[in-house]
Every structure is written in structure tokens, then in C-alpha cells.
Amino acid sequence: MKTDEQFAEDIAAGNGWEVELWAELRKYLHGLEKPLPAETMNGKVIGGFGYQPDMQLKSMVFANKRDSAFYGDCMVSLEAKVRLGSGFDFTCASDFPYDDIIVNEVYKTHPITMTEAQYLKLSLMEQKVFMRPFHSYWIGATNRKHVAVICPATKPLWTQRSVFSPKDRRVALNWMCPVKKPTGGPCILFGKFPDDVPRLLTYL
């Protein structure tokens, strides 16, 4: 089990990756909100029981209402994760160390129109349909030289698995995205960081 000092170090590394990623993405995504640092007290990380997106981006959506049509604003989340375990460096789908990758905890993806409990009672398909909108997930390698990017179009292939979370010291039910499609092609986008950021954004 991790000590409080180890937790603080991991949180600091995660916050560092968020800011580094934000500095690159903001060049192309106008209005991308800067991530907030973790809240601490006496050198210890506190909070973390509620869900707040790492970053948010305003997106324009088209809506119809009776005989009229209009555009409206929709805030979508953009998540930044970095894998700190040893041996979690990768360059592409072929050398990724696992067959799938943790996207997020299931309860964190519930829409604002439902409680967590209501959302978790839905079928797997319904959870994917009602999931709160997101722009993308950016998973950094330990050395931060490459990224794996998960886009909304991959949701049909997501599954769920319970994994022990040493950070929260409990079992967490997670969404899992396969690294490769059933046909063998890559399901997740891969690229060098920061060189390939513009190319990766063309898919989103």
C-alpha cells in the first residue's frame, strides 16, 4: 500500500502531465480550460471523492426544437492520465504492454441528469448511450514521450472490469478500451508527444 508521501508524488506527477498536455493542446483548442492542481493540506492531498474533469472544452452542438433549429454550447471533458508504473513506456499498439487500457471509473461517467446509483443500474449499452460527453482521453507513457488517445468513437468496444486501485485503496469498476480492434487494427490513436499532437487532433 502506498504511503501518503508516495500518493503526493504520484498526484504531483499527474498534475505535471496535465499542465504539460494543456500547454500543447491550447495551441489548437481555443478556450481549453487550464487544469487545477490537487488540493493539499499540510503537505497531504485531500479531497478526490467527487469527480471533476481534468480539463473542459466548449463545443458547439446543433439542436432542433419543434420547427426551429439552433446552435448551443456544450461543455465536454478532456482527460489527461499518465501511467507511472515501471515498464509503461510505449510507442504504438504493437509495443503497448497490455491488451486494453483503463479509460475511467464507470461512476465518473454518469450524466448530470442521473445520480451515480441510477446510472450504474443501467445496462452496459445504456451506460454508453447516456454517458456524459467527452472530447478525448490522453494517456501519457511514463517517459511522456508518447501518448495513447482514446476518442468517443471507440465506445462500442468498451468493456467493464473491476481493478484494485492502490491510489484509492479500494476496488474500482473501470471502463476498459481494447488497444486493437477485433479485426486487428489499432483501436486507440498513438503518437509522439508533442510532435504528433496536431495530427492526432485531426481525428477528434
C-alpha atoms as a PDB file:
ATOM      1  CA  MET A   1       0.000   0.000   0.000  1.00  0.00           C
ATOM      2  CA  LYS A   2       1.296   3.447  -0.884  1.00  0.00           C
ATOM      3  CA  THR A   3       2.344   5.922   1.775  1.00  0.00           C
ATOM      4  CA  ASP A   4       0.947   9.460   1.929  1.00  0.00           C
ATOM      5  CA  GLU A   5       4.257  10.701   0.512  1.00  0.00           C
ATOM      6  CA  GLN A   6       4.007   8.293  -2.445  1.00  0.00           C
ATOM      7  CA  PHE A   7       0.430   9.413  -3.098  1.00  0.00           C
ATOM      8  CA  ALA A   8       1.559  13.040  -3.078  1.00  0.00           C
ATOM      9  CA  GLU A   9       4.386  12.267  -5.526  1.00  0.00           C
ATOM     10  CA  ASP A  10       2.006  10.463  -7.892  1.00  0.00           C
ATOM     11  CA  ILE A  11      -0.534  13.286  -7.720  1.00  0.00           C
ATOM     12  CA  ALA A  12       2.201  15.839  -8.436  1.00  0.00           C
ATOM     13  CA  ALA A  13       3.370  13.802 -11.442  1.00  0.00           C
ATOM     14  CA  GLY A  14      -0.205  13.584 -12.718  1.00  0.00           C
ATOM     15  CA  ASN A  15      -0.744  17.327 -12.312  1.00  0.00           C
ATOM     16  CA  GLY A  16       2.539  17.978 -14.105  1.00  0.00           C
ATOM     17  CA  TRP A  17       1.389  15.894 -17.069  1.00  0.00           C
ATOM     18  CA  GLU A  18      -1.973  17.688 -17.160  1.00  0.00           C
ATOM     19  CA  VAL A  19      -0.301  21.099 -17.379  1.00  0.00           C
ATOM     20  CA  GLU A  20       2.226  19.905 -19.975  1.00  0.00           C
ATOM     21  CA  LEU A  21      -0.539  18.442 -22.135  1.00  0.00           C
ATOM     22  CA  TRP A  22      -2.730  21.539 -21.704  1.00  0.00           C
ATOM     23  CA  ALA A  23       0.141  23.785 -22.847  1.00  0.00           C
ATOM     24  CA  GLU A  24       0.269  21.883 -26.144  1.00  0.00           C
ATOM     25  CA  LEU A  25      -3.451  21.380 -26.729  1.00  0.00           C
ATOM     26  CA  ARG A  26      -4.367  25.008 -26.026  1.00  0.00           C
ATOM     27  CA  LYS A  27      -2.434  25.982 -29.162  1.00  0.00           C
ATOM     28  CA  TYR A  28      -5.155  24.263 -31.198  1.00  0.00           C
ATOM     29  CA  LEU A  29      -8.228  24.008 -28.928  1.00  0.00           C
ATOM     30  CA  HIS A  30      -9.466  27.531 -28.266  1.00  0.00           C
ATOM     31  CA  GLY A  31     -10.819  28.056 -24.766  1.00  0.00           C
ATOM     32  CA  LEU A  32      -9.480  24.837 -23.274  1.00  0.00           C
ATOM     33  CA  GLU A  33      -9.654  25.335 -19.518  1.00  0.00           C
ATOM     34  CA  LYS A  34      -6.400  25.017 -17.592  1.00  0.00           C
ATOM     35  CA  PRO A  35      -6.330  22.060 -15.171  1.00  0.00           C
ATOM     36  CA  LEU A  36      -6.425  22.843 -11.460  1.00  0.00           C
ATOM     37  CA  PRO A  37      -3.762  21.460  -9.091  1.00  0.00           C
ATOM     38  CA  ALA A  38      -4.741  18.949  -6.432  1.00  0.00           C
ATOM     39  CA  GLU A  39      -5.876  20.437  -3.136  1.00  0.00           C
ATOM     40  CA  THR A  40      -3.463  19.804  -0.270  1.00  0.00           C
ATOM     41  CA  MET A  41      -3.301  20.434   3.468  1.00  0.00           C
ATOM     42  CA  ASN A  42      -0.103  20.156   5.498  1.00  0.00           C
ATOM     43  CA  GLY A  43       1.576  18.536   2.525  1.00  0.00           C
ATOM     44  CA  LYS A  44      -1.108  15.859   2.112  1.00  0.00           C
ATOM     45  CA  VAL A  45      -3.539  15.551  -0.778  1.00  0.00           C
ATOM     46  CA  ILE A  46      -7.158  15.947   0.334  1.00  0.00           C
ATOM     47  CA  GLY A  47     -10.462  15.565  -1.455  1.00  0.00           C
ATOM     48  CA  GLY A  48     -10.751  13.447  -4.558  1.00  0.00           C
ATOM     49  CA  PHE A  49     -14.145  11.998  -3.606  1.00  0.00           C
ATOM     50  CA  GLY A  50     -16.078  13.888  -6.262  1.00  0.00           C
ATOM     51  CA  TYR A  51     -15.442  13.878  -9.984  1.00  0.00           C
ATOM     52  CA  GLN A  52     -14.145  16.914 -11.824  1.00  0.00           C
ATOM     53  CA  PRO A  53     -12.825  16.660 -15.405  1.00  0.00           C
ATOM     54  CA  ASP A  54      -9.105  17.332 -15.816  1.00  0.00           C
ATOM     55  CA  MET A  55      -9.957  19.921 -18.480  1.00  0.00           C
ATOM     56  CA  GLN A  56     -13.116  21.156 -20.168  1.00  0.00           C
ATOM     57  CA  LEU A  57     -13.724  22.437 -23.669  1.00  0.00           C
ATOM     58  CA  LYS A  58     -16.733  24.295 -25.035  1.00  0.00           C
ATOM     59  CA  SER A  59     -18.225  22.516 -28.026  1.00  0.00           C
ATOM     60  CA  MET A  60     -20.960  23.727 -30.383  1.00  0.00           C
ATOM     61  CA  VAL A  61     -23.924  21.400 -30.810  1.00  0.00           C
ATOM     62  CA  PHE A  62     -26.841  21.564 -33.239  1.00  0.00           C
ATOM     63  CA  ALA A  63     -30.332  21.107 -31.834  1.00  0.00           C
ATOM     64  CA  ASN A  64     -33.869  21.029 -33.193  1.00  0.00           C
ATOM     65  CA  LYS A  65     -36.885  22.300 -31.256  1.00  0.00           C
ATOM     66  CA  ARG A  66     -40.246  21.869 -32.974  1.00  0.00           C
ATOM     67  CA  ASP A  67     -39.943  23.814 -36.232  1.00  0.00           C
ATOM     68  CA  SER A  68     -36.814  25.762 -35.335  1.00  0.00           C
ATOM     69  CA  ALA A  69     -33.145  24.855 -35.235  1.00  0.00           C
ATOM     70  CA  PHE A  70     -30.366  26.461 -33.267  1.00  0.00           C
ATOM     71  CA  TYR A  71     -26.791  26.025 -32.067  1.00  0.00           C
ATOM     72  CA  GLY A  72     -25.923  25.766 -28.408  1.00  0.00           C
ATOM     73  CA  ASP A  73     -22.910  25.320 -26.153  1.00  0.00           C
ATOM     74  CA  CYS A  74     -21.950  22.003 -24.609  1.00  0.00           C
ATOM     75  CA  MET A  75     -19.031  21.534 -22.199  1.00  0.00           C
ATOM     76  CA  VAL A  76     -17.124  18.334 -22.911  1.00  0.00           C
ATOM     77  CA  SER A  77     -14.363  16.846 -20.788  1.00  0.00           C
ATOM     78  CA  LEU A  78     -10.800  16.224 -21.882  1.00  0.00           C
ATOM     79  CA  GLU A  79      -8.905  13.860 -19.608  1.00  0.00           C
ATOM     80  CA  ALA A  80      -5.150  13.604 -19.077  1.00  0.00           C
ATOM     81  CA  LYS A  81      -3.684  10.477 -17.489  1.00  0.00           C
ATOM     82  CA  VAL A  82      -0.085   9.352 -17.138  1.00  0.00           C
ATOM     83  CA  ARG A  83       0.988   5.817 -16.304  1.00  0.00           C
ATOM     84  CA  LEU A  84       3.614   5.834 -13.564  1.00  0.00           C
ATOM     85  CA  GLY A  85       4.251   2.107 -13.197  1.00  0.00           C
ATOM     86  CA  SER A  86       7.602   0.746 -14.280  1.00  0.00           C
ATOM     87  CA  GLY A  87       7.693  -0.537 -17.831  1.00  0.00           C
ATOM     88  CA  PHE A  88       4.777   1.550 -19.035  1.00  0.00           C
ATOM     89  CA  ASP A  89       6.601   3.134 -21.941  1.00  0.00           C
ATOM     90  CA  PHE A  90       5.187   2.568 -25.408  1.00  0.00           C
ATOM     91  CA  THR A  91       5.301   3.969 -28.936  1.00  0.00           C
ATOM     92  CA  CYS A  92       2.406   2.230 -30.718  1.00  0.00           C
ATOM     93  CA  ALA A  93      -0.227  -0.501 -30.437  1.00  0.00           C
ATOM     94  CA  SER A  94       2.333  -3.237 -31.139  1.00  0.00           C
ATOM     95  CA  ASP A  95       4.537  -2.480 -28.133  1.00  0.00           C
ATOM     96  CA  PHE A  96       1.782  -1.406 -25.727  1.00  0.00           C
ATOM     97  CA  PRO A  97       2.277  -3.600 -22.622  1.00  0.00           C
ATOM     98  CA  TYR A  98      -1.385  -4.649 -22.232  1.00  0.00           C
ATOM     99  CA  ASP A  99      -4.302  -5.765 -24.387  1.00  0.00           C
ATOM    100  CA  ASP A 100      -6.541  -2.990 -23.084  1.00  0.00           C
ATOM    101  CA  ILE A 101      -6.276   0.266 -21.190  1.00  0.00           C
ATOM    102  CA  ILE A 102      -8.212   1.789 -18.288  1.00  0.00           C
ATOM    103  CA  VAL A 103     -10.287   4.726 -19.518  1.00  0.00           C
ATOM    104  CA  ASN A 104     -12.085   5.930 -16.390  1.00  0.00           C
ATOM    105  CA  GLU A 105     -14.088   4.715 -13.429  1.00  0.00           C
ATOM    106  CA  VAL A 106     -17.638   3.909 -14.511  1.00  0.00           C
ATOM    107  CA  TYR A 107     -19.363   6.033 -11.872  1.00  0.00           C
ATOM    108  CA  LYS A 108     -17.454   9.129 -13.054  1.00  0.00           C
ATOM    109  CA  THR A 109     -19.102   8.942 -16.471  1.00  0.00           C
ATOM    110  CA  HIS A 110     -22.711   9.292 -15.315  1.00  0.00           C
ATOM    111  CA  PRO A 111     -24.664  12.178 -16.927  1.00  0.00           C
ATOM    112  CA  ILE A 112     -25.731  15.163 -14.840  1.00  0.00           C
ATOM    113  CA  THR A 113     -29.358  14.099 -15.338  1.00  0.00           C
ATOM    114  CA  MET A 114     -28.802  10.925 -13.286  1.00  0.00           C
ATOM    115  CA  THR A 115     -27.334  10.004  -9.941  1.00  0.00           C
ATOM    116  CA  GLU A 116     -24.412   7.591  -9.831  1.00  0.00           C
ATOM    117  CA  ALA A 117     -26.706   4.870  -8.460  1.00  0.00           C
ATOM    118  CA  GLN A 118     -29.263   5.344 -11.253  1.00  0.00           C
ATOM    119  CA  TYR A 119     -26.537   5.206 -13.883  1.00  0.00           C
ATOM    120  CA  LEU A 120     -24.947   2.036 -12.503  1.00  0.00           C
ATOM    121  CA  LYS A 121     -28.304   0.241 -12.645  1.00  0.00           C
ATOM    122  CA  LEU A 122     -28.460   0.692 -16.434  1.00  0.00           C
ATOM    123  CA  SER A 123     -27.338  -1.992 -18.857  1.00  0.00           C
ATOM    124  CA  LEU A 124     -23.865  -1.737 -20.363  1.00  0.00           C
ATOM    125  CA  MET A 125     -25.284  -0.457 -23.648  1.00  0.00           C
ATOM    126  CA  GLU A 126     -27.465   2.141 -21.920  1.00  0.00           C
ATOM    127  CA  GLN A 127     -24.497   3.394 -19.895  1.00  0.00           C
ATOM    128  CA  LYS A 128     -22.588   4.006 -23.118  1.00  0.00           C
ATOM    129  CA  VAL A 129     -25.572   5.820 -24.639  1.00  0.00           C
ATOM    130  CA  PHE A 130     -26.219   8.090 -21.639  1.00  0.00           C
ATOM    131  CA  MET A 131     -22.550   8.649 -20.755  1.00  0.00           C
ATOM    132  CA  ARG A 132     -21.611  12.303 -20.263  1.00  0.00           C
ATOM    133  CA  PRO A 133     -19.997  13.737 -23.401  1.00  0.00           C
ATOM    134  CA  PHE A 134     -16.232  13.800 -23.651  1.00  0.00           C
ATOM    135  CA  HIS A 135     -13.715  15.043 -26.188  1.00  0.00           C
ATOM    136  CA  SER A 136     -10.871  12.586 -25.622  1.00  0.00           C
ATOM    137  CA  TYR A 137      -8.600  10.805 -23.135  1.00  0.00           C
ATOM    138  CA  TRP A 138      -4.845  11.363 -23.434  1.00  0.00           C
ATOM    139  CA  ILE A 139      -2.785   8.612 -21.776  1.00  0.00           C
ATOM    140  CA  GLY A 140       0.868   9.517 -21.406  1.00  0.00           C
ATOM    141  CA  ALA A 141       3.674   6.945 -21.278  1.00  0.00           C
ATOM    142  CA  THR A 142       5.811   7.036 -18.142  1.00  0.00           C
ATOM    143  CA  ASN A 143       8.549   8.931 -20.001  1.00  0.00           C
ATOM    144  CA  ARG A 144       5.919  11.288 -21.551  1.00  0.00           C
ATOM    145  CA  LYS A 145       7.461  10.844 -24.996  1.00  0.00           C
ATOM    146  CA  HIS A 146       4.395   9.129 -26.474  1.00  0.00           C
ATOM    147  CA  VAL A 147       0.649   9.260 -25.950  1.00  0.00           C
ATOM    148  CA  ALA A 148      -2.305   6.949 -26.476  1.00  0.00           C
ATOM    149  CA  VAL A 149      -5.505   8.820 -27.319  1.00  0.00           C
ATOM    150  CA  ILE A 150      -8.987   7.409 -26.791  1.00  0.00           C
ATOM    151  CA  CYS A 151     -11.816   9.015 -28.772  1.00  0.00           C
ATOM    152  CA  PRO A 152     -15.611   8.668 -28.343  1.00  0.00           C
ATOM    153  CA  ALA A 153     -15.942   6.511 -31.469  1.00  0.00           C
ATOM    154  CA  THR A 154     -14.299   3.616 -29.588  1.00  0.00           C
ATOM    155  CA  LYS A 155     -17.149   3.326 -27.022  1.00  0.00           C
ATOM    156  CA  PRO A 156     -18.892   0.391 -28.758  1.00  0.00           C
ATOM    157  CA  LEU A 157     -15.817  -1.743 -27.968  1.00  0.00           C
ATOM    158  CA  TRP A 158     -15.520  -0.732 -24.299  1.00  0.00           C
ATOM    159  CA  THR A 159     -15.991  -3.319 -21.557  1.00  0.00           C
ATOM    160  CA  GLN A 160     -16.004  -3.118 -17.765  1.00  0.00           C
ATOM    161  CA  ARG A 161     -13.631  -4.694 -15.253  1.00  0.00           C
ATOM    162  CA  SER A 162     -13.062  -4.319 -11.530  1.00  0.00           C
ATOM    163  CA  VAL A 163      -9.453  -3.467 -10.650  1.00  0.00           C
ATOM    164  CA  PHE A 164      -7.902  -2.704  -7.263  1.00  0.00           C
ATOM    165  CA  SER A 165      -6.931   0.962  -7.081  1.00  0.00           C
ATOM    166  CA  PRO A 166      -3.852   1.490  -4.857  1.00  0.00           C
ATOM    167  CA  LYS A 167      -4.439   5.236  -5.065  1.00  0.00           C
ATOM    168  CA  ASP A 168      -7.914   4.999  -3.511  1.00  0.00           C
ATOM    169  CA  ARG A 169      -7.217   1.743  -1.643  1.00  0.00           C
ATOM    170  CA  ARG A 170     -10.353   0.059  -2.964  1.00  0.00           C
ATOM    171  CA  VAL A 171     -11.675  -1.985  -5.872  1.00  0.00           C
ATOM    172  CA  ALA A 172     -12.764   0.272  -8.738  1.00  0.00           C
ATOM    173  CA  LEU A 173     -15.124  -0.618 -11.589  1.00  0.00           C
ATOM    174  CA  ASN A 174     -13.472   0.736 -14.738  1.00  0.00           C
ATOM    175  CA  TRP A 175     -14.266   1.225 -18.384  1.00  0.00           C
ATOM    176  CA  MET A 176     -11.671  -0.637 -20.464  1.00  0.00           C
ATOM    177  CA  CYS A 177     -10.811   0.133 -24.090  1.00  0.00           C
ATOM    178  CA  PRO A 178      -9.041  -2.518 -26.206  1.00  0.00           C
ATOM    179  CA  VAL A 179      -5.783  -1.461 -27.804  1.00  0.00           C
ATOM    180  CA  LYS A 180      -6.678  -3.297 -31.017  1.00  0.00           C
ATOM    181  CA  LYS A 181      -9.958  -3.866 -32.830  1.00  0.00           C
ATOM    182  CA  PRO A 182     -11.294  -7.407 -33.319  1.00  0.00           C
ATOM    183  CA  THR A 183     -10.080  -7.105 -36.921  1.00  0.00           C
ATOM    184  CA  GLY A 184      -6.533  -6.486 -35.670  1.00  0.00           C
ATOM    185  CA  GLY A 185      -6.200  -2.789 -36.472  1.00  0.00           C
ATOM    186  CA  PRO A 186      -5.463  -0.188 -33.769  1.00  0.00           C
ATOM    187  CA  CYS A 187      -8.466   0.965 -31.744  1.00  0.00           C
ATOM    188  CA  ILE A 188      -6.518   3.711 -29.966  1.00  0.00           C
ATOM    189  CA  LEU A 189      -4.563   6.539 -31.584  1.00  0.00           C
ATOM    190  CA  PHE A 190      -0.820   6.627 -30.858  1.00  0.00           C
ATOM    191  CA  GLY A 191       1.758   9.328 -31.442  1.00  0.00           C
ATOM    192  CA  LYS A 192       4.914  11.089 -30.298  1.00  0.00           C
ATOM    193  CA  PHE A 193       4.487  13.859 -27.775  1.00  0.00           C
ATOM    194  CA  PRO A 194       4.380  16.719 -28.500  1.00  0.00           C
ATOM    195  CA  ASP A 195       5.288  16.332 -32.200  1.00  0.00           C
ATOM    196  CA  ASP A 196       2.172  14.385 -33.227  1.00  0.00           C
ATOM    197  CA  VAL A 197      -0.411  16.412 -31.296  1.00  0.00           C
ATOM    198  CA  PRO A 198      -1.685  18.281 -34.410  1.00  0.00           C
ATOM    199  CA  ARG A 199      -2.045  15.028 -36.358  1.00  0.00           C
ATOM    200  CA  LEU A 200      -3.863  13.294 -33.514  1.00  0.00           C
ATOM    201  CA  LEU A 201      -6.304  16.184 -33.185  1.00  0.00           C
ATOM    202  CA  THR A 202      -7.412  15.740 -36.795  1.00  0.00           C
ATOM    203  CA  TYR A 203      -9.138  12.514 -35.686  1.00  0.00           C
ATOM    204  CA  LEU A 204     -11.132  14.198 -32.922  1.00  0.00           C
END
